[in-house]
Amino acid sequence: MAETWQLDPAHSSIQFAVKHMMFTTVRGRFKDVKGTIEVDEQNPDRSSVHVEINAASIDTGVADRDTHLRSADFLDVEHYPTITFRSKRFEGALAKEGDEFRVIGDLTIHGTAKEVTLDCTFEGRGKDPWGGERAGARATTRIDRRDWGLEWNQALEAGGILIGHDVRIEIEVQAVKAVPVPAGA
């Protein structure tokens, strides 16, 4: 039987890194994330993940850059306010701390869905000080932003481009086990 876990946005992060001017890395994150994880420990391949990210919550620490990233040149948050990930399948075990597994699913950015693979590590689970149960995992992947129609760029006088195509994504998730509601409640 599957257990439902809710993403704890205060203790989770979705970060990204992209090359700028071919030689430095700019990092950012999304501050507004929510999601549900259904875990079937007996049949891990039946587990699922659904995550929604408020695209306008992008934060690179530079207001002008964030405004540009929200514009039609990039995320176009006015027309595509949400980035989503919906799993298709899990591969591997996630029974004990340190277990590695993969989550394959559709990442939708800018209205375009493409399949991506998240390489994951189960970080463990335990009781929190408030009587709830929590679990953690981390995941990484790389995408080419052009696959989602995010093609804006600028050629550099010395050669190369202003913004790299390769985006490294790093995810740290802490989830809280949902408390079942008794029948008839």
N, C-alpha and C. Protein backbone atom coordinates (compact mmCIF):
# COMPACT_ATOMS: atom_id res chain seq x y z
N MET A 1 0.84 -1.19 0.00
CA MET A 1 0.00 0.00 0.00
C MET A 1 0.89 1.25 0.00
N ALA A 2 0.54 2.19 -0.81
CA ALA A 2 1.33 3.42 -0.93
C ALA A 2 1.07 4.36 0.24
N GLU A 3 2.14 5.05 0.65
CA GLU A 3 2.05 6.08 1.67
C GLU A 3 2.19 7.43 0.97
N THR A 4 1.43 8.42 1.44
CA THR A 4 1.48 9.75 0.87
C THR A 4 2.38 10.64 1.72
N TRP A 5 3.28 11.34 1.05
CA TRP A 5 4.19 12.27 1.69
C TRP A 5 4.03 13.63 1.02
N GLN A 6 4.03 14.70 1.82
CA GLN A 6 3.95 16.06 1.28
C GLN A 6 5.33 16.72 1.36
N LEU A 7 5.73 17.34 0.29
CA LEU A 7 6.99 18.07 0.26
C LEU A 7 6.95 19.18 1.31
N ASP A 8 8.00 19.31 2.09
CA ASP A 8 8.12 20.40 3.06
C ASP A 8 8.93 21.51 2.40
N PRO A 9 8.27 22.56 1.90
CA PRO A 9 8.99 23.59 1.16
C PRO A 9 10.02 24.35 2.01
N ALA A 10 9.83 24.40 3.32
CA ALA A 10 10.77 25.11 4.18
C ALA A 10 12.08 24.35 4.33
N HIS A 11 12.06 23.05 4.04
CA HIS A 11 13.26 22.24 4.20
C HIS A 11 13.63 21.50 2.91
N SER A 12 13.22 22.06 1.79
CA SER A 12 13.52 21.48 0.48
C SER A 12 14.05 22.59 -0.42
N SER A 13 14.83 22.22 -1.42
CA SER A 13 15.31 23.24 -2.35
C SER A 13 15.48 22.66 -3.75
N ILE A 14 15.17 23.50 -4.72
CA ILE A 14 15.42 23.18 -6.12
C ILE A 14 16.32 24.29 -6.64
N GLN A 15 17.56 23.90 -6.93
CA GLN A 15 18.57 24.86 -7.37
C GLN A 15 19.06 24.51 -8.76
N PHE A 16 19.62 25.50 -9.44
CA PHE A 16 20.17 25.28 -10.77
C PHE A 16 21.46 26.07 -10.92
N ALA A 17 22.26 25.65 -11.89
CA ALA A 17 23.52 26.33 -12.18
C ALA A 17 23.71 26.37 -13.69
N VAL A 18 24.13 27.52 -14.20
CA VAL A 18 24.32 27.74 -15.63
C VAL A 18 25.60 28.56 -15.82
N LYS A 19 26.35 28.24 -16.86
CA LYS A 19 27.55 29.01 -17.18
C LYS A 19 27.16 30.38 -17.71
N HIS A 20 27.90 31.41 -17.29
CA HIS A 20 27.72 32.78 -17.75
C HIS A 20 29.03 33.23 -18.39
N MET A 21 28.96 33.70 -19.61
CA MET A 21 30.11 34.16 -20.38
C MET A 21 31.15 33.05 -20.56
N MET A 22 30.69 31.82 -20.51
CA MET A 22 31.51 30.64 -20.81
C MET A 22 32.51 30.28 -19.70
N PHE A 23 32.67 31.13 -18.67
CA PHE A 23 33.72 30.82 -17.70
C PHE A 23 33.34 30.97 -16.24
N THR A 24 32.15 31.46 -15.93
CA THR A 24 31.71 31.50 -14.54
C THR A 24 30.35 30.82 -14.44
N THR A 25 29.99 30.44 -13.23
CA THR A 25 28.72 29.75 -13.01
C THR A 25 27.81 30.64 -12.20
N VAL A 26 26.58 30.81 -12.67
CA VAL A 26 25.55 31.52 -11.94
C VAL A 26 24.60 30.47 -11.37
N ARG A 27 24.27 30.64 -10.10
CA ARG A 27 23.37 29.70 -9.43
C ARG A 27 22.08 30.42 -9.04
N GLY A 28 21.02 29.65 -8.99
CA GLY A 28 19.75 30.20 -8.57
C GLY A 28 18.89 29.12 -7.97
N ARG A 29 17.71 29.51 -7.54
CA ARG A 29 16.78 28.55 -6.93
C ARG A 29 15.35 29.03 -7.16
N PHE A 30 14.45 28.12 -6.90
CA PHE A 30 13.03 28.47 -6.91
C PHE A 30 12.55 28.42 -5.47
N LYS A 31 11.92 29.51 -5.02
CA LYS A 31 11.55 29.63 -3.61
C LYS A 31 10.16 29.10 -3.29
N ASP A 32 9.31 28.89 -4.29
CA ASP A 32 7.92 28.47 -4.06
C ASP A 32 7.70 27.13 -4.75
N VAL A 33 7.74 26.06 -3.96
CA VAL A 33 7.65 24.69 -4.47
C VAL A 33 6.67 23.90 -3.62
N LYS A 34 5.87 23.05 -4.27
CA LYS A 34 5.00 22.13 -3.53
C LYS A 34 4.96 20.81 -4.27
N GLY A 35 4.67 19.76 -3.54
CA GLY A 35 4.64 18.47 -4.21
C GLY A 35 4.14 17.35 -3.32
N THR A 36 3.79 16.25 -3.97
CA THR A 36 3.30 15.06 -3.31
C THR A 36 4.10 13.87 -3.81
N ILE A 37 4.45 12.99 -2.88
CA ILE A 37 5.18 11.77 -3.20
C ILE A 37 4.35 10.61 -2.69
N GLU A 38 4.07 9.66 -3.56
CA GLU A 38 3.39 8.43 -3.18
C GLU A 38 4.44 7.33 -3.19
N VAL A 39 4.71 6.73 -2.04
CA VAL A 39 5.75 5.71 -1.93
C VAL A 39 5.11 4.36 -1.63
N ASP A 40 5.38 3.40 -2.50
CA ASP A 40 4.95 2.02 -2.28
C ASP A 40 6.22 1.21 -2.00
N GLU A 41 6.52 0.98 -0.71
CA GLU A 41 7.75 0.31 -0.34
C GLU A 41 7.80 -1.13 -0.82
N GLN A 42 6.66 -1.79 -0.92
CA GLN A 42 6.62 -3.18 -1.40
C GLN A 42 6.86 -3.25 -2.90
N ASN A 43 6.41 -2.23 -3.61
CA ASN A 43 6.56 -2.16 -5.07
C ASN A 43 7.05 -0.77 -5.45
N PRO A 44 8.35 -0.48 -5.23
CA PRO A 44 8.85 0.87 -5.48
C PRO A 44 8.57 1.39 -6.88
N ASP A 45 8.47 0.47 -7.86
CA ASP A 45 8.19 0.90 -9.23
C ASP A 45 6.80 1.49 -9.38
N ARG A 46 5.95 1.33 -8.37
CA ARG A 46 4.60 1.92 -8.39
C ARG A 46 4.54 3.26 -7.67
N SER A 47 5.67 3.73 -7.17
CA SER A 47 5.72 5.02 -6.49
C SER A 47 5.58 6.14 -7.51
N SER A 48 5.25 7.35 -7.03
CA SER A 48 5.09 8.48 -7.95
C SER A 48 5.44 9.78 -7.25
N VAL A 49 5.77 10.78 -8.06
CA VAL A 49 6.10 12.12 -7.58
C VAL A 49 5.40 13.12 -8.49
N HIS A 50 4.84 14.16 -7.87
CA HIS A 50 4.30 15.28 -8.63
C HIS A 50 4.73 16.56 -7.92
N VAL A 51 5.45 17.42 -8.64
CA VAL A 51 5.97 18.66 -8.07
C VAL A 51 5.52 19.84 -8.93
N GLU A 52 5.13 20.92 -8.26
CA GLU A 52 4.78 22.17 -8.94
C GLU A 52 5.67 23.28 -8.41
N ILE A 53 6.23 24.05 -9.32
CA ILE A 53 7.11 25.16 -8.99
C ILE A 53 6.50 26.43 -9.54
N ASN A 54 6.40 27.44 -8.70
CA ASN A 54 5.97 28.76 -9.15
C ASN A 54 7.15 29.37 -9.91
N ALA A 55 7.05 29.47 -11.22
CA ALA A 55 8.16 29.94 -12.05
C ALA A 55 8.60 31.35 -11.66
N ALA A 56 7.68 32.18 -11.21
CA ALA A 56 8.02 33.55 -10.82
C ALA A 56 8.85 33.61 -9.54
N SER A 57 8.96 32.48 -8.83
CA SER A 57 9.72 32.47 -7.58
C SER A 57 11.21 32.28 -7.81
N ILE A 58 11.66 32.35 -9.07
CA ILE A 58 13.07 32.21 -9.38
C ILE A 58 13.87 33.28 -8.66
N ASP A 59 15.02 32.89 -8.11
CA ASP A 59 15.84 33.81 -7.34
C ASP A 59 17.31 33.49 -7.57
N THR A 60 18.01 34.41 -8.23
CA THR A 60 19.45 34.25 -8.45
C THR A 60 20.25 35.23 -7.59
N GLY A 61 19.54 36.02 -6.79
CA GLY A 61 20.21 37.00 -5.95
C GLY A 61 20.44 38.33 -6.62
N VAL A 62 20.02 38.46 -7.89
CA VAL A 62 20.17 39.72 -8.64
C VAL A 62 18.81 40.06 -9.24
N ALA A 63 18.19 41.10 -8.73
CA ALA A 63 16.81 41.44 -9.12
C ALA A 63 16.65 41.65 -10.62
N ASP A 64 17.58 42.38 -11.25
CA ASP A 64 17.46 42.62 -12.70
C ASP A 64 17.54 41.32 -13.49
N ARG A 65 18.44 40.43 -13.09
CA ARG A 65 18.56 39.14 -13.78
C ARG A 65 17.28 38.32 -13.58
N ASP A 66 16.75 38.33 -12.36
CA ASP A 66 15.51 37.57 -12.09
C ASP A 66 14.36 38.10 -12.93
N THR A 67 14.27 39.41 -13.07
CA THR A 67 13.23 40.01 -13.91
C THR A 67 13.38 39.54 -15.35
N HIS A 68 14.62 39.50 -15.85
CA HIS A 68 14.85 39.04 -17.22
C HIS A 68 14.48 37.56 -17.35
N LEU A 69 14.83 36.74 -16.37
CA LEU A 69 14.50 35.32 -16.42
C LEU A 69 12.99 35.07 -16.38
N ARG A 70 12.24 35.96 -15.75
CA ARG A 70 10.77 35.83 -15.71
C ARG A 70 10.12 36.29 -17.01
N SER A 71 10.85 37.04 -17.83
CA SER A 71 10.29 37.65 -19.04
C SER A 71 10.08 36.62 -20.15
N ALA A 72 9.49 37.08 -21.25
CA ALA A 72 9.23 36.23 -22.42
C ALA A 72 10.52 35.71 -23.05
N ASP A 73 11.67 36.33 -22.76
CA ASP A 73 12.95 35.82 -23.27
C ASP A 73 13.28 34.45 -22.69
N PHE A 74 12.79 34.16 -21.49
CA PHE A 74 13.11 32.90 -20.81
C PHE A 74 11.84 32.18 -20.36
N LEU A 75 11.50 32.28 -19.08
CA LEU A 75 10.39 31.48 -18.52
C LEU A 75 9.01 31.98 -18.92
N ASP A 76 8.87 33.24 -19.28
CA ASP A 76 7.59 33.82 -19.68
C ASP A 76 6.50 33.47 -18.66
N VAL A 77 6.75 33.87 -17.41
CA VAL A 77 5.87 33.48 -16.31
C VAL A 77 4.44 34.00 -16.45
N GLU A 78 4.26 35.05 -17.25
CA GLU A 78 2.89 35.54 -17.47
C GLU A 78 2.05 34.49 -18.19
N HIS A 79 2.65 33.78 -19.14
CA HIS A 79 1.92 32.76 -19.90
C HIS A 79 2.15 31.34 -19.38
N TYR A 80 3.26 31.12 -18.69
CA TYR A 80 3.61 29.79 -18.17
C TYR A 80 4.00 29.92 -16.70
N PRO A 81 3.02 30.11 -15.83
CA PRO A 81 3.33 30.41 -14.42
C PRO A 81 3.88 29.23 -13.62
N THR A 82 3.74 28.01 -14.15
CA THR A 82 4.11 26.84 -13.37
C THR A 82 5.08 25.94 -14.14
N ILE A 83 6.08 25.45 -13.44
CA ILE A 83 6.97 24.40 -13.92
C ILE A 83 6.56 23.15 -13.16
N THR A 84 6.40 22.02 -13.86
CA THR A 84 5.97 20.81 -13.18
C THR A 84 6.88 19.63 -13.50
N PHE A 85 6.91 18.70 -12.57
CA PHE A 85 7.55 17.40 -12.80
C PHE A 85 6.55 16.35 -12.37
N ARG A 86 6.28 15.40 -13.26
CA ARG A 86 5.35 14.30 -12.96
C ARG A 86 6.07 13.01 -13.36
N SER A 87 6.31 12.15 -12.35
CA SER A 87 7.05 10.92 -12.61
C SER A 87 6.25 9.95 -13.46
N LYS A 88 6.99 9.12 -14.19
CA LYS A 88 6.42 8.02 -14.97
C LYS A 88 6.78 6.68 -14.34
N ARG A 89 8.03 6.62 -13.81
CA ARG A 89 8.46 5.37 -13.18
C ARG A 89 9.67 5.61 -12.28
N PHE A 90 9.84 4.68 -11.34
CA PHE A 90 11.00 4.63 -10.45
C PHE A 90 11.81 3.41 -10.83
N GLU A 91 13.13 3.52 -10.71
CA GLU A 91 14.01 2.38 -10.94
C GLU A 91 14.98 2.30 -9.78
N GLY A 92 15.06 1.13 -9.14
CA GLY A 92 15.98 0.93 -8.02
C GLY A 92 15.26 0.96 -6.69
N ALA A 93 16.03 0.67 -5.64
CA ALA A 93 15.46 0.56 -4.30
C ALA A 93 15.62 1.87 -3.53
N LEU A 94 14.71 2.11 -2.61
CA LEU A 94 14.81 3.25 -1.72
C LEU A 94 14.39 2.85 -0.32
N ALA A 95 14.91 1.72 0.14
CA ALA A 95 14.53 1.18 1.43
C ALA A 95 15.40 1.69 2.57
N LYS A 96 16.69 1.89 2.31
CA LYS A 96 17.58 2.29 3.40
C LYS A 96 18.43 3.49 2.99
N GLU A 97 18.90 4.20 4.00
CA GLU A 97 19.72 5.37 3.78
C GLU A 97 20.91 5.04 2.87
N GLY A 98 21.12 5.88 1.88
CA GLY A 98 22.21 5.67 0.94
C GLY A 98 21.80 4.96 -0.33
N ASP A 99 20.62 4.36 -0.36
CA ASP A 99 20.16 3.68 -1.57
C ASP A 99 20.06 4.69 -2.72
N GLU A 100 20.50 4.24 -3.89
CA GLU A 100 20.41 5.08 -5.08
C GLU A 100 19.32 4.56 -5.98
N PHE A 101 18.59 5.47 -6.58
CA PHE A 101 17.50 5.10 -7.48
C PHE A 101 17.34 6.20 -8.52
N ARG A 102 16.52 5.94 -9.49
CA ARG A 102 16.25 6.91 -10.55
C ARG A 102 14.74 7.15 -10.64
N VAL A 103 14.41 8.39 -10.89
CA VAL A 103 13.01 8.74 -11.15
C VAL A 103 12.96 9.33 -12.55
N ILE A 104 12.17 8.71 -13.40
CA ILE A 104 12.02 9.16 -14.78
C ILE A 104 10.63 9.79 -14.89
N GLY A 105 10.58 10.98 -15.48
CA GLY A 105 9.29 11.64 -15.60
C GLY A 105 9.34 12.80 -16.56
N ASP A 106 8.20 13.46 -16.69
CA ASP A 106 8.07 14.60 -17.59
C ASP A 106 8.28 15.90 -16.84
N LEU A 107 9.23 16.69 -17.30
CA LEU A 107 9.48 18.03 -16.80
C LEU A 107 8.84 18.99 -17.79
N THR A 108 7.92 19.82 -17.30
CA THR A 108 7.23 20.78 -18.16
C THR A 108 7.70 22.19 -17.80
N ILE A 109 8.33 22.83 -18.77
CA ILE A 109 8.81 24.20 -18.64
C ILE A 109 8.35 24.94 -19.89
N HIS A 110 7.84 26.15 -19.69
CA HIS A 110 7.49 26.99 -20.84
C HIS A 110 6.44 26.29 -21.72
N GLY A 111 5.59 25.47 -21.10
CA GLY A 111 4.53 24.78 -21.83
C GLY A 111 4.97 23.54 -22.59
N THR A 112 6.24 23.15 -22.47
CA THR A 112 6.77 21.99 -23.19
C THR A 112 7.17 20.91 -22.19
N ALA A 113 6.68 19.69 -22.41
CA ALA A 113 7.01 18.55 -21.55
C ALA A 113 8.07 17.69 -22.24
N LYS A 114 9.12 17.38 -21.51
CA LYS A 114 10.19 16.50 -22.00
C LYS A 114 10.55 15.53 -20.88
N GLU A 115 10.89 14.32 -21.27
CA GLU A 115 11.29 13.32 -20.28
C GLU A 115 12.70 13.60 -19.77
N VAL A 116 12.86 13.52 -18.45
CA VAL A 116 14.16 13.66 -17.81
C VAL A 116 14.33 12.53 -16.80
N THR A 117 15.58 12.26 -16.46
CA THR A 117 15.90 11.26 -15.45
C THR A 117 16.58 11.96 -14.28
N LEU A 118 16.03 11.75 -13.10
CA LEU A 118 16.64 12.27 -11.88
C LEU A 118 17.44 11.15 -11.24
N ASP A 119 18.73 11.37 -11.01
CA ASP A 119 19.57 10.42 -10.29
C ASP A 119 19.46 10.77 -8.81
N CYS A 120 18.92 9.85 -8.01
CA CYS A 120 18.52 10.15 -6.64
C CYS A 120 19.27 9.30 -5.62
N THR A 121 19.35 9.83 -4.41
CA THR A 121 19.87 9.10 -3.26
C THR A 121 18.89 9.29 -2.11
N PHE A 122 18.49 8.18 -1.49
CA PHE A 122 17.62 8.23 -0.32
C PHE A 122 18.49 8.61 0.88
N GLU A 123 18.12 9.68 1.59
CA GLU A 123 18.92 10.20 2.69
C GLU A 123 18.46 9.70 4.06
N GLY A 124 17.32 8.99 4.11
CA GLY A 124 16.86 8.44 5.39
C GLY A 124 15.51 8.98 5.80
N ARG A 125 15.04 8.45 6.94
CA ARG A 125 13.76 8.89 7.49
C ARG A 125 13.78 8.75 8.99
N GLY A 126 12.89 9.51 9.64
CA GLY A 126 12.80 9.45 11.10
C GLY A 126 11.70 10.35 11.63
N LYS A 127 11.49 10.26 12.93
CA LYS A 127 10.48 11.07 13.61
C LYS A 127 11.01 12.48 13.82
N ASP A 128 10.13 13.46 13.67
CA ASP A 128 10.51 14.84 13.96
C ASP A 128 10.08 15.18 15.39
N PRO A 129 10.48 16.33 15.91
CA PRO A 129 10.14 16.69 17.30
C PRO A 129 8.65 16.90 17.56
N TRP A 130 7.84 16.95 16.51
CA TRP A 130 6.41 17.22 16.66
C TRP A 130 5.57 15.96 16.48
N GLY A 131 6.22 14.80 16.40
CA GLY A 131 5.50 13.53 16.29
C GLY A 131 5.24 13.08 14.87
N GLY A 132 5.67 13.84 13.90
CA GLY A 132 5.49 13.45 12.50
C GLY A 132 6.65 12.60 12.02
N GLU A 133 6.50 12.04 10.84
CA GLU A 133 7.57 11.27 10.24
C GLU A 133 8.05 12.00 9.00
N ARG A 134 9.37 12.08 8.84
CA ARG A 134 9.98 12.79 7.73
C ARG A 134 10.96 11.88 7.01
N ALA A 135 11.16 12.19 5.73
CA ALA A 135 12.13 11.46 4.92
C ALA A 135 12.83 12.47 4.01
N GLY A 136 14.04 12.11 3.60
CA GLY A 136 14.80 13.01 2.75
C GLY A 136 15.42 12.28 1.58
N ALA A 137 15.61 13.02 0.51
CA ALA A 137 16.27 12.49 -0.68
C ALA A 137 16.93 13.65 -1.41
N ARG A 138 17.91 13.33 -2.21
CA ARG A 138 18.51 14.34 -3.08
C ARG A 138 18.53 13.79 -4.49
N ALA A 139 18.54 14.71 -5.45
CA ALA A 139 18.50 14.30 -6.86
C ALA A 139 19.26 15.31 -7.69
N THR A 140 19.81 14.83 -8.81
CA THR A 140 20.49 15.70 -9.75
C THR A 140 20.12 15.29 -11.17
N THR A 141 20.20 16.26 -12.05
CA THR A 141 20.04 16.00 -13.48
C THR A 141 20.65 17.17 -14.24
N ARG A 142 20.78 17.00 -15.53
CA ARG A 142 21.22 18.06 -16.43
C ARG A 142 20.22 18.13 -17.59
N ILE A 143 19.93 19.35 -18.00
CA ILE A 143 19.06 19.54 -19.15
C ILE A 143 19.70 20.57 -20.08
N ASP A 144 19.27 20.55 -21.33
CA ASP A 144 19.62 21.59 -22.29
C ASP A 144 18.40 22.49 -22.39
N ARG A 145 18.52 23.72 -21.94
CA ARG A 145 17.37 24.62 -21.86
C ARG A 145 16.70 24.84 -23.21
N ARG A 146 17.43 24.68 -24.29
CA ARG A 146 16.85 24.87 -25.63
C ARG A 146 15.77 23.84 -25.93
N ASP A 147 15.84 22.66 -25.30
CA ASP A 147 14.82 21.63 -25.51
C ASP A 147 13.43 22.09 -25.05
N TRP A 148 13.38 23.10 -24.20
CA TRP A 148 12.11 23.64 -23.70
C TRP A 148 11.82 25.00 -24.32
N GLY A 149 12.51 25.36 -25.39
CA GLY A 149 12.26 26.62 -26.08
C GLY A 149 12.90 27.83 -25.43
N LEU A 150 13.81 27.62 -24.47
CA LEU A 150 14.49 28.72 -23.80
C LEU A 150 15.80 28.99 -24.54
N GLU A 151 15.68 29.73 -25.65
CA GLU A 151 16.79 29.87 -26.57
C GLU A 151 17.47 31.23 -26.55
N TRP A 152 16.94 32.21 -25.83
CA TRP A 152 17.53 33.54 -25.84
C TRP A 152 19.01 33.45 -25.48
N ASN A 153 19.82 34.22 -26.19
CA ASN A 153 21.24 34.27 -25.91
C ASN A 153 21.82 35.50 -26.57
N GLN A 154 23.09 35.72 -26.36
CA GLN A 154 23.79 36.85 -26.96
C GLN A 154 25.21 36.39 -27.26
N ALA A 155 25.65 36.66 -28.49
CA ALA A 155 27.02 36.32 -28.86
C ALA A 155 27.98 37.28 -28.18
N LEU A 156 29.13 36.75 -27.81
CA LEU A 156 30.16 37.57 -27.17
C LEU A 156 31.18 38.03 -28.20
N GLU A 157 31.67 39.23 -28.04
CA GLU A 157 32.64 39.79 -28.98
C GLU A 157 33.89 38.91 -29.10
N ALA A 158 34.31 38.34 -27.98
CA ALA A 158 35.52 37.49 -27.96
C ALA A 158 35.22 36.06 -28.41
N GLY A 159 33.98 35.78 -28.78
CA GLY A 159 33.58 34.43 -29.16
C GLY A 159 32.78 33.77 -28.05
N GLY A 160 31.99 32.81 -28.41
CA GLY A 160 31.15 32.12 -27.43
C GLY A 160 29.82 32.82 -27.22
N ILE A 161 29.14 32.42 -26.18
CA ILE A 161 27.81 32.94 -25.89
C ILE A 161 27.72 33.42 -24.45
N LEU A 162 26.75 34.27 -24.19
CA LEU A 162 26.57 34.86 -22.86
C LEU A 162 26.10 33.82 -21.84
N ILE A 163 25.13 32.99 -22.23
CA ILE A 163 24.52 32.05 -21.29
C ILE A 163 24.62 30.64 -21.84
N GLY A 164 25.15 29.73 -21.02
CA GLY A 164 25.30 28.34 -21.43
C GLY A 164 23.96 27.67 -21.68
N HIS A 165 23.99 26.61 -22.47
CA HIS A 165 22.77 25.85 -22.76
C HIS A 165 22.51 24.79 -21.70
N ASP A 166 23.58 24.27 -21.11
CA ASP A 166 23.51 23.19 -20.13
C ASP A 166 23.11 23.75 -18.77
N VAL A 167 22.06 23.17 -18.19
CA VAL A 167 21.58 23.59 -16.87
C VAL A 167 21.70 22.39 -15.93
N ARG A 168 22.48 22.57 -14.86
CA ARG A 168 22.59 21.53 -13.82
C ARG A 168 21.53 21.81 -12.77
N ILE A 169 20.78 20.78 -12.43
CA ILE A 169 19.71 20.91 -11.44
C ILE A 169 20.05 20.04 -10.24
N GLU A 170 19.95 20.63 -9.05
CA GLU A 170 20.22 19.92 -7.79
C GLU A 170 19.01 20.10 -6.88
N ILE A 171 18.52 18.98 -6.39
CA ILE A 171 17.29 18.98 -5.60
C ILE A 171 17.57 18.33 -4.25
N GLU A 172 17.14 18.98 -3.19
CA GLU A 172 17.15 18.41 -1.84
C GLU A 172 15.71 18.44 -1.35
N VAL A 173 15.20 17.27 -0.98
CA VAL A 173 13.80 17.17 -0.60
C VAL A 173 13.67 16.62 0.81
N GLN A 174 12.84 17.27 1.61
CA GLN A 174 12.39 16.71 2.87
C GLN A 174 10.86 16.64 2.76
N ALA A 175 10.33 15.47 3.07
CA ALA A 175 8.89 15.28 2.95
C ALA A 175 8.33 14.79 4.28
N VAL A 176 7.07 15.14 4.55
CA VAL A 176 6.38 14.76 5.77
C VAL A 176 5.29 13.77 5.41
N LYS A 177 5.28 12.65 6.13
CA LYS A 177 4.27 11.63 5.89
C LYS A 177 2.90 12.18 6.27
N ALA A 178 1.96 12.05 5.33
CA ALA A 178 0.59 12.50 5.56
C ALA A 178 -0.08 11.58 6.58
N VAL A 179 -0.83 12.18 7.46
CA VAL A 179 -1.56 11.41 8.46
C VAL A 179 -2.88 10.98 7.83
N PRO A 180 -3.15 9.65 7.81
CA PRO A 180 -4.41 9.19 7.19
C PRO A 180 -5.62 9.74 7.96
N VAL A 181 -6.62 10.12 7.21
CA VAL A 181 -7.88 10.59 7.80
C VAL A 181 -8.78 9.37 7.99
N PRO A 182 -9.27 9.15 9.22
CA PRO A 182 -10.13 7.99 9.45
C PRO A 182 -11.39 8.06 8.59
N ALA A 183 -11.86 6.90 8.17
CA ALA A 183 -13.09 6.82 7.37
C ALA A 183 -14.24 7.43 8.15
N GLY A 184 -15.04 8.24 7.48
CA GLY A 184 -16.19 8.87 8.11
C GLY A 184 -15.87 10.14 8.86
N ALA A 185 -14.61 10.56 8.83
CA ALA A 185 -14.24 11.77 9.58
C ALA A 185 -14.59 13.02 8.81
